[in-house]
């Protein structure tokens, strides 16, 4: 009997994953990685220990809690705050998966003598004809989470099980109900796990080490001053609501100019970009391309984007250039661009460093 440790968050997805693996004949061990404790003692939505422990009790599986708070603080929370202060829009889940969750899960799998680790992500681990591991998009696109997983390594994927890739959320809840798991109808979290109220700016104000960026100008694309903003860390590219300025027409954040302390506003169509430049590349289904290599694929420049056909070129300096077949809206520096093949498998991806408006020339 193969042994697997399942990362139990306290939510329905990881609970259903543990149940399905138990029913498939695996010896299942539940593990919760405690990554965050709020100032008032509240737990992260990724590590609600009481619910996870109750799930393990009902399933009749061993259960362990491991403390990862310091690693999460150093690698994820600190980077999140620094990036926002630099005018970027980070996605901490992407880096938490690689640098905290899988690293720790695999470590504890070795300690506990397990063959695999498993999670409740909506994705499927797949293997190419050439033998490389990748993740394939979930059967139901609305829940697909492969975007968050593109940085996982071959060694990590070889020891990973993801049993929910073929299920809809409604089916997962029904599985949990049949198994008698109390969290079957627990609502999904819509926010970053360590900012449950969604107030990023207030969190950054509390956690910043030094002085915060002050007020500056809202400007249009021509540099005309439109009003005053309250600090660049309060805004993200593509944002429309909560700008605190009335122009008599819908306005979107088009660009954040850190050095000038300016927020560029424009109409929705002005947020389009034709090219992006990506750094910190990671490849899954293929080895990392050589400089000058080009391939066509579908690219998601943010989590909820359906994907856009594009041509990717590896550059001499280790970055890559992504040229979209048609402009995409609101690609934000700091987010990730993830590359997919025609079968929905992740080729690789990278962190967006620069965007180029559709009306301008090449990078």
Protein backbone atom coordinates (compact mmCIF):
# COMPACT_ATOMS: atom_id res chain seq x y z
CA UNK A 1 0.00 0.00 0.00
CA UNK A 2 1.44 3.37 -1.06
CA UNK A 3 1.52 6.07 1.59
CA UNK A 4 0.59 9.70 0.83
CA UNK A 5 0.50 12.82 2.97
CA UNK A 6 -2.34 15.18 2.07
CA UNK A 7 -2.06 18.89 2.79
CA UNK A 8 -5.25 19.59 4.76
CA UNK A 9 -6.13 23.27 4.81
CA UNK A 10 -9.41 22.89 6.66
CA UNK A 11 -11.40 23.42 3.46
CA UNK A 12 -13.57 21.11 1.41
CA UNK A 13 -11.14 20.57 -1.49
CA UNK A 14 -8.29 19.10 0.51
CA UNK A 15 -10.77 17.09 2.59
CA UNK A 16 -12.29 15.55 -0.55
CA UNK A 17 -8.81 14.84 -1.93
CA UNK A 18 -7.92 12.93 1.23
CA UNK A 19 -11.16 10.95 1.06
CA UNK A 20 -10.70 10.03 -2.62
CA UNK A 21 -7.14 8.86 -2.05
CA UNK A 22 -8.19 6.80 0.95
CA UNK A 23 -10.94 5.20 -1.12
CA UNK A 24 -8.40 4.49 -3.90
CA UNK A 25 -6.38 2.38 -1.48
CA UNK A 26 -3.67 4.76 -0.32
CA UNK A 27 -2.54 4.95 3.28
CA UNK A 28 -3.39 8.61 3.90
CA UNK A 29 -1.82 10.92 6.48
CA UNK A 30 -3.26 14.40 6.98
CA UNK A 31 -0.81 17.26 7.40
CA UNK A 32 -1.48 20.96 7.99
CA UNK A 33 1.30 23.46 7.44
CA UNK A 34 0.70 26.33 9.83
CA UNK A 35 1.85 29.30 7.78
CA UNK A 36 0.15 32.32 9.28
CA UNK A 37 -1.28 33.56 12.56
CA UNK A 38 -2.87 37.01 12.51
CA UNK A 39 -2.30 39.77 15.04
CA UNK A 40 -5.52 38.83 16.85
CA UNK A 41 -4.74 35.12 16.71
CA UNK A 42 -6.85 34.21 13.66
CA UNK A 43 -5.59 31.46 11.37
CA UNK A 44 -4.98 31.69 7.64
CA UNK A 45 -7.64 30.15 5.40
CA UNK A 46 -4.87 27.82 4.25
CA UNK A 47 -4.34 26.37 7.72
CA UNK A 48 -7.56 26.26 9.73
CA UNK A 49 -6.38 23.56 12.08
CA UNK A 50 -9.60 22.75 13.96
CA UNK A 51 -11.49 22.00 10.73
CA UNK A 52 -8.57 20.01 9.31
CA UNK A 53 -8.24 17.95 12.49
CA UNK A 54 -11.97 17.16 12.48
CA UNK A 55 -11.74 16.07 8.84
CA UNK A 56 -8.89 13.70 9.70
CA UNK A 57 -10.85 12.30 12.66
CA UNK A 58 -13.90 11.57 10.52
CA UNK A 59 -11.79 9.95 7.80
CA UNK A 60 -9.92 7.92 10.40
CA UNK A 61 -6.47 9.02 9.25
CA UNK A 62 -3.41 10.14 11.24
CA UNK A 63 -3.00 13.90 11.47
CA UNK A 64 -0.04 16.22 12.12
CA UNK A 65 0.46 19.99 12.31
CA UNK A 66 3.83 21.48 11.38
CA UNK A 67 4.88 25.06 12.01
CA UNK A 68 6.05 26.97 8.90
CA UNK A 69 5.27 30.49 10.13
CA UNK A 70 8.82 31.85 10.00
CA UNK A 71 9.50 30.50 6.49
CA UNK A 72 6.19 31.91 5.24
CA UNK A 73 6.90 35.29 6.83
CA UNK A 74 10.36 35.51 5.31
CA UNK A 75 9.70 34.13 1.82
CA UNK A 76 6.12 35.18 1.14
CA UNK A 77 4.82 37.99 3.37
CA UNK A 78 8.01 40.05 3.27
CA UNK A 79 8.27 39.75 -0.51
CA UNK A 80 4.58 40.68 -0.90
CA UNK A 81 5.04 43.93 1.04
CA UNK A 82 8.27 44.85 -0.76
CA UNK A 83 6.72 44.25 -4.18
CA UNK A 84 3.69 46.44 -3.52
CA UNK A 85 5.97 49.24 -2.35
CA UNK A 86 7.82 48.92 -5.67
CA UNK A 87 4.61 49.40 -7.66
CA UNK A 88 4.22 45.72 -8.52
CA UNK A 89 1.18 43.44 -8.20
CA UNK A 90 2.51 40.21 -6.68
CA UNK A 91 0.78 36.85 -6.55
CA UNK A 92 2.01 35.24 -3.31
CA UNK A 93 0.23 31.91 -3.89
CA UNK A 94 2.47 31.14 -6.88
CA UNK A 95 5.61 31.42 -4.78
CA UNK A 96 4.14 29.90 -1.63
CA UNK A 97 3.37 26.69 -3.51
CA UNK A 98 6.97 26.25 -4.61
CA UNK A 99 8.95 27.79 -1.78
CA UNK A 100 6.90 26.79 1.25
CA UNK A 101 4.15 24.24 0.67
CA UNK A 102 5.81 21.69 -1.59
CA UNK A 103 9.21 22.14 0.01
CA UNK A 104 7.77 21.43 3.45
CA UNK A 105 5.31 18.72 2.36
CA UNK A 106 8.05 16.74 0.65
CA UNK A 107 10.29 17.14 3.67
CA UNK A 108 7.62 15.77 5.99
CA UNK A 109 6.79 13.01 3.50
CA UNK A 110 10.37 11.82 3.88
CA UNK A 111 10.17 12.11 7.66
CA UNK A 112 6.90 10.12 7.77
CA UNK A 113 7.96 7.57 5.19
CA UNK A 114 5.39 8.59 2.56
CA UNK A 115 5.74 7.92 -1.17
CA UNK A 116 3.71 10.92 -2.35
CA UNK A 117 2.27 14.27 -1.35
CA UNK A 118 -1.19 15.40 -2.45
CA UNK A 119 -3.27 18.56 -2.44
CA UNK A 120 -6.80 19.64 -3.27
CA UNK A 121 -5.79 21.77 -6.27
CA UNK A 122 -7.99 21.60 -9.36
CA UNK A 123 -5.35 20.29 -11.76
CA UNK A 124 -3.91 16.97 -12.94
CA UNK A 125 -0.29 15.85 -12.87
CA UNK A 126 0.57 14.56 -16.35
CA UNK A 127 3.64 13.14 -18.04
CA UNK A 128 4.72 13.93 -21.61
CA UNK A 129 5.87 11.37 -24.17
CA UNK A 130 9.40 12.53 -23.43
CA UNK A 131 8.95 11.65 -19.76
CA UNK A 132 8.74 15.15 -18.32
CA UNK A 133 6.11 15.99 -15.73
CA UNK A 134 3.68 18.89 -16.04
CA UNK A 135 0.22 19.90 -14.85
CA UNK A 136 -2.84 19.77 -17.07
CA UNK A 137 -5.74 22.17 -16.71
CA UNK A 138 -8.75 20.99 -14.75
CA UNK A 139 -11.71 19.56 -16.62
CA UNK A 140 -13.83 22.53 -15.44
CA UNK A 141 -12.08 25.72 -16.54
CA UNK A 142 -13.78 27.91 -13.94
CA UNK A 143 -11.88 26.16 -11.12
CA UNK A 144 -8.56 25.44 -12.88
CA UNK A 145 -5.56 26.22 -10.65
CA UNK A 146 -2.62 25.29 -12.90
CA UNK A 147 -1.66 28.97 -13.12
CA UNK A 148 -0.66 28.81 -9.43
CA UNK A 149 1.47 25.69 -9.93
CA UNK A 150 3.76 26.52 -12.86
CA UNK A 151 6.88 26.91 -10.70
CA UNK A 152 6.85 23.33 -9.36
CA UNK A 153 9.93 21.31 -10.32
CA UNK A 154 10.19 17.93 -12.03
CA UNK A 155 11.30 16.34 -8.76
CA UNK A 156 8.30 17.78 -6.92
CA UNK A 157 5.77 16.79 -9.58
CA UNK A 158 7.10 13.23 -9.73
CA UNK A 159 5.98 12.77 -6.12
CA UNK A 160 2.69 14.70 -6.33
CA UNK A 161 -0.91 13.51 -6.64
CA UNK A 162 -3.81 15.85 -7.48
CA UNK A 163 -7.07 13.87 -7.48
CA UNK A 164 -9.52 16.74 -8.13
CA UNK A 165 -8.59 17.67 -11.71
CA UNK A 166 -11.57 15.86 -13.20
CA UNK A 167 -14.23 17.19 -10.84
CA UNK A 168 -16.48 20.24 -10.69
CA UNK A 169 -16.72 22.10 -7.39
CA UNK A 170 -20.31 20.94 -6.94
CA UNK A 171 -19.18 17.34 -7.34
CA UNK A 172 -16.42 17.81 -4.77
CA UNK A 173 -18.91 19.21 -2.26
CA UNK A 174 -21.20 16.24 -2.87
CA UNK A 175 -18.31 13.82 -2.31
CA UNK A 176 -17.57 15.53 1.01
CA UNK A 177 -21.25 15.38 2.02
CA UNK A 178 -21.44 11.66 1.31
CA UNK A 179 -18.29 11.15 3.36
CA UNK A 180 -19.87 13.03 6.29
CA UNK A 181 -17.23 15.78 6.27
CA UNK A 182 -18.56 18.91 8.05
CA UNK A 183 -16.76 21.40 5.78
CA UNK A 184 -18.66 20.16 2.71
CA UNK A 185 -20.50 23.49 2.39
CA UNK A 186 -17.79 25.76 3.77
CA UNK A 187 -17.49 28.89 1.59
CA UNK A 188 -14.41 29.36 -0.57
CA UNK A 189 -11.91 32.04 0.37
CA UNK A 190 -11.74 34.85 -2.18
CA UNK A 191 -8.80 36.72 -0.70
CA UNK A 192 -5.10 36.19 -0.07
CA UNK A 193 -4.90 33.84 2.90
CA UNK A 194 -3.00 36.22 5.20
CA UNK A 195 -5.23 39.22 4.38
CA UNK A 196 -8.71 37.78 4.98
CA UNK A 197 -10.42 41.18 4.95
CA UNK A 198 -8.91 42.04 1.55
CA UNK A 199 -7.47 45.37 2.75
CA UNK A 200 -3.99 45.09 1.21
CA UNK A 201 -3.11 48.72 1.82
CA UNK A 202 -3.82 48.55 5.55
CA UNK A 203 -1.80 45.37 5.82
CA UNK A 204 1.17 46.97 4.04
CA UNK A 205 0.92 50.03 6.28
CA UNK A 206 1.25 47.77 9.33
CA UNK A 207 4.05 45.62 7.93
CA UNK A 208 6.30 48.06 6.05
CA UNK A 209 9.79 48.41 7.55
CA UNK A 210 10.38 52.00 6.46
CA UNK A 211 8.46 55.10 5.37
CA UNK A 212 5.59 54.53 2.97
CA UNK A 213 5.37 56.22 -0.44
CA UNK A 214 3.38 59.41 -0.07
CA UNK A 215 0.74 61.08 -2.16
CA UNK A 216 1.38 61.89 -5.80
CA UNK A 217 -0.33 62.76 -9.05
CA UNK A 218 -2.86 60.91 -11.12
CA UNK A 219 -1.94 61.71 -14.73
CA UNK A 220 -3.23 60.76 -18.17
CA UNK A 221 -1.14 59.23 -20.95
CA UNK A 222 -0.03 62.69 -22.08
CA UNK A 223 1.20 63.59 -18.58
CA UNK A 224 -1.64 65.96 -17.72
CA UNK A 225 -2.40 66.02 -14.00
CA UNK A 226 -5.88 64.69 -13.19
CA UNK A 227 -5.81 64.66 -9.40
CA UNK A 228 -3.96 63.23 -6.41
CA UNK A 229 -3.44 59.62 -5.39
CA UNK A 230 -2.85 58.39 -1.84
CA UNK A 231 0.30 56.29 -2.38
CA UNK A 232 1.27 53.88 -5.16
CA UNK A 233 0.93 50.78 -2.96
CA UNK A 234 -2.83 51.35 -2.84
CA UNK A 235 -3.31 50.69 -6.57
CA UNK A 236 -2.81 47.93 -9.13
CA UNK A 237 -2.71 47.94 -12.92
CA UNK A 238 -6.21 47.44 -14.32
CA UNK A 239 -7.95 48.75 -11.18
CA UNK A 240 -11.14 50.73 -11.73
CA UNK A 241 -12.95 50.84 -8.38
CA UNK A 242 -11.73 52.70 -5.32
CA UNK A 243 -9.50 55.19 -7.15
CA UNK A 244 -10.90 58.14 -5.24
CA UNK A 245 -11.16 60.38 -8.29
CA UNK A 246 -14.20 61.46 -10.32
CA UNK A 247 -13.53 62.16 -14.00
CA UNK A 248 -17.06 61.80 -15.33
CA UNK A 249 -16.04 58.64 -17.20
CA UNK A 250 -14.71 55.20 -16.22
CA UNK A 251 -10.99 55.32 -15.51
CA UNK A 252 -8.53 52.47 -15.08
CA UNK A 253 -4.99 52.29 -13.74
CA UNK A 254 -2.86 51.98 -16.85
CA UNK A 255 0.63 52.25 -15.35
CA UNK A 256 2.36 52.84 -12.03
CA UNK A 257 5.44 55.07 -12.32
CA UNK A 258 7.39 54.52 -9.13
CA UNK A 259 10.23 56.99 -9.71
CA UNK A 260 7.86 59.80 -10.61
CA UNK A 261 5.34 58.72 -7.94
CA UNK A 262 2.61 58.88 -10.58
CA UNK A 263 -0.42 56.74 -11.39
CA UNK A 264 -1.36 56.83 -15.07
CA UNK A 265 -5.11 56.58 -15.71
CA UNK A 266 -6.85 55.82 -18.98
CA UNK A 267 -9.92 54.33 -20.59
CA UNK A 268 -10.32 50.53 -20.48
CA UNK A 269 -9.02 50.15 -24.04
CA UNK A 270 -5.84 51.97 -23.02
CA UNK A 271 -4.93 49.19 -20.60
CA UNK A 272 -4.24 46.81 -23.50
CA UNK A 273 -0.71 45.60 -24.17
CA UNK A 274 0.74 43.75 -27.13
CA UNK A 275 3.97 42.49 -25.56
CA UNK A 276 5.36 41.60 -22.18
CA UNK A 277 8.83 40.84 -20.91
CA UNK A 278 9.16 38.06 -18.31
CA UNK A 279 11.90 37.21 -15.80
CA UNK A 280 12.46 34.36 -13.31
CA UNK A 281 11.43 31.74 -15.84
CA UNK A 282 10.36 28.23 -14.92
CA UNK A 283 9.65 25.43 -17.42
CA UNK A 284 7.65 22.25 -16.93
CA UNK A 285 6.70 20.20 -19.98
CA UNK A 286 9.88 21.15 -21.87
CA UNK A 287 13.48 21.85 -20.87
CA UNK A 288 14.34 25.54 -20.69
CA UNK A 289 14.77 26.83 -24.27
CA UNK A 290 18.07 28.15 -25.55
CA UNK A 291 18.51 31.85 -26.31
CA UNK A 292 16.80 32.72 -29.58
CA UNK A 293 14.37 29.79 -29.49
CA UNK A 294 10.74 30.66 -30.28
CA UNK A 295 7.51 28.76 -29.73
CA UNK A 296 3.79 29.44 -30.10
CA UNK A 297 1.40 28.79 -27.24
CA UNK A 298 -1.50 30.18 -25.24
CA UNK A 299 -0.54 32.61 -22.47
CA UNK A 300 -2.47 33.58 -19.34
CA UNK A 301 -1.13 36.94 -18.06
CA UNK A 302 -3.21 36.68 -14.88
CA UNK A 303 -5.09 33.99 -12.98
CA UNK A 304 -8.61 34.65 -14.22
CA UNK A 305 -7.62 35.28 -17.85
CA UNK A 306 -8.81 32.59 -20.32
CA UNK A 307 -5.52 32.69 -22.24
CA UNK A 308 -4.43 34.40 -25.43
CA UNK A 309 -2.43 33.00 -28.41
CA UNK A 310 1.11 34.35 -28.40
CA UNK A 311 4.68 33.79 -29.57
CA UNK A 312 7.34 33.39 -26.89
CA UNK A 313 11.04 34.07 -27.57
CA UNK A 314 13.86 33.25 -25.15
CA UNK A 315 16.28 36.17 -24.92
CA UNK A 316 20.05 36.23 -24.45
CA UNK A 317 19.76 37.69 -20.95
CA UNK A 318 17.64 34.78 -19.65
CA UNK A 319 14.30 36.55 -19.89
CA UNK A 320 11.61 35.93 -22.49
CA UNK A 321 9.55 38.15 -24.77
CA UNK A 322 5.86 37.36 -25.24
CA UNK A 323 4.18 38.81 -28.35
CA UNK A 324 0.39 38.41 -28.26
CA UNK A 325 -1.62 37.78 -31.41
CA UNK A 326 -4.05 40.43 -30.16
CA UNK A 327 -3.72 42.90 -27.26
CA UNK A 328 -4.57 41.70 -23.74
CA UNK A 329 -6.03 43.89 -21.00
CA UNK A 330 -4.47 44.74 -17.66
CA UNK A 331 -1.28 42.67 -17.65
CA UNK A 332 0.44 43.83 -14.46
CA UNK A 333 4.16 43.77 -13.61
CA UNK A 334 4.65 41.40 -10.68
CA UNK A 335 1.98 38.95 -11.84
CA UNK A 336 2.91 35.78 -13.69
CA UNK A 337 2.45 34.89 -17.35
CA UNK A 338 1.89 31.14 -17.77
CA UNK A 339 2.37 29.31 -21.09
CA UNK A 340 0.06 26.45 -22.17
CA UNK A 341 0.18 23.97 -25.05
CA UNK A 342 -2.78 22.88 -27.17
CA UNK A 343 -3.69 20.09 -24.72
CA UNK A 344 -3.94 22.44 -21.74
CA UNK A 345 -0.64 21.41 -20.19
CA UNK A 346 1.69 23.98 -18.67
CA UNK A 347 4.82 24.59 -20.73
CA UNK A 348 6.23 27.07 -18.23
CA UNK A 349 5.99 30.71 -17.27
CA UNK A 350 7.64 33.71 -15.69
CA UNK A 351 7.06 36.88 -13.72
CA UNK A 352 5.94 39.89 -15.76
CA UNK A 353 8.65 42.54 -15.61
CA UNK A 354 7.51 44.99 -18.28
CA UNK A 355 4.44 45.54 -20.43
CA UNK A 356 4.28 47.38 -23.73
CA UNK A 357 1.09 49.28 -24.65
CA UNK A 358 -0.54 48.05 -27.84
CA UNK A 359 -0.14 51.36 -29.64
CA UNK A 360 3.68 51.45 -29.26
CA UNK A 361 6.48 49.61 -31.03
CA UNK A 362 8.48 46.53 -30.09
CA UNK A 363 10.35 46.02 -26.84
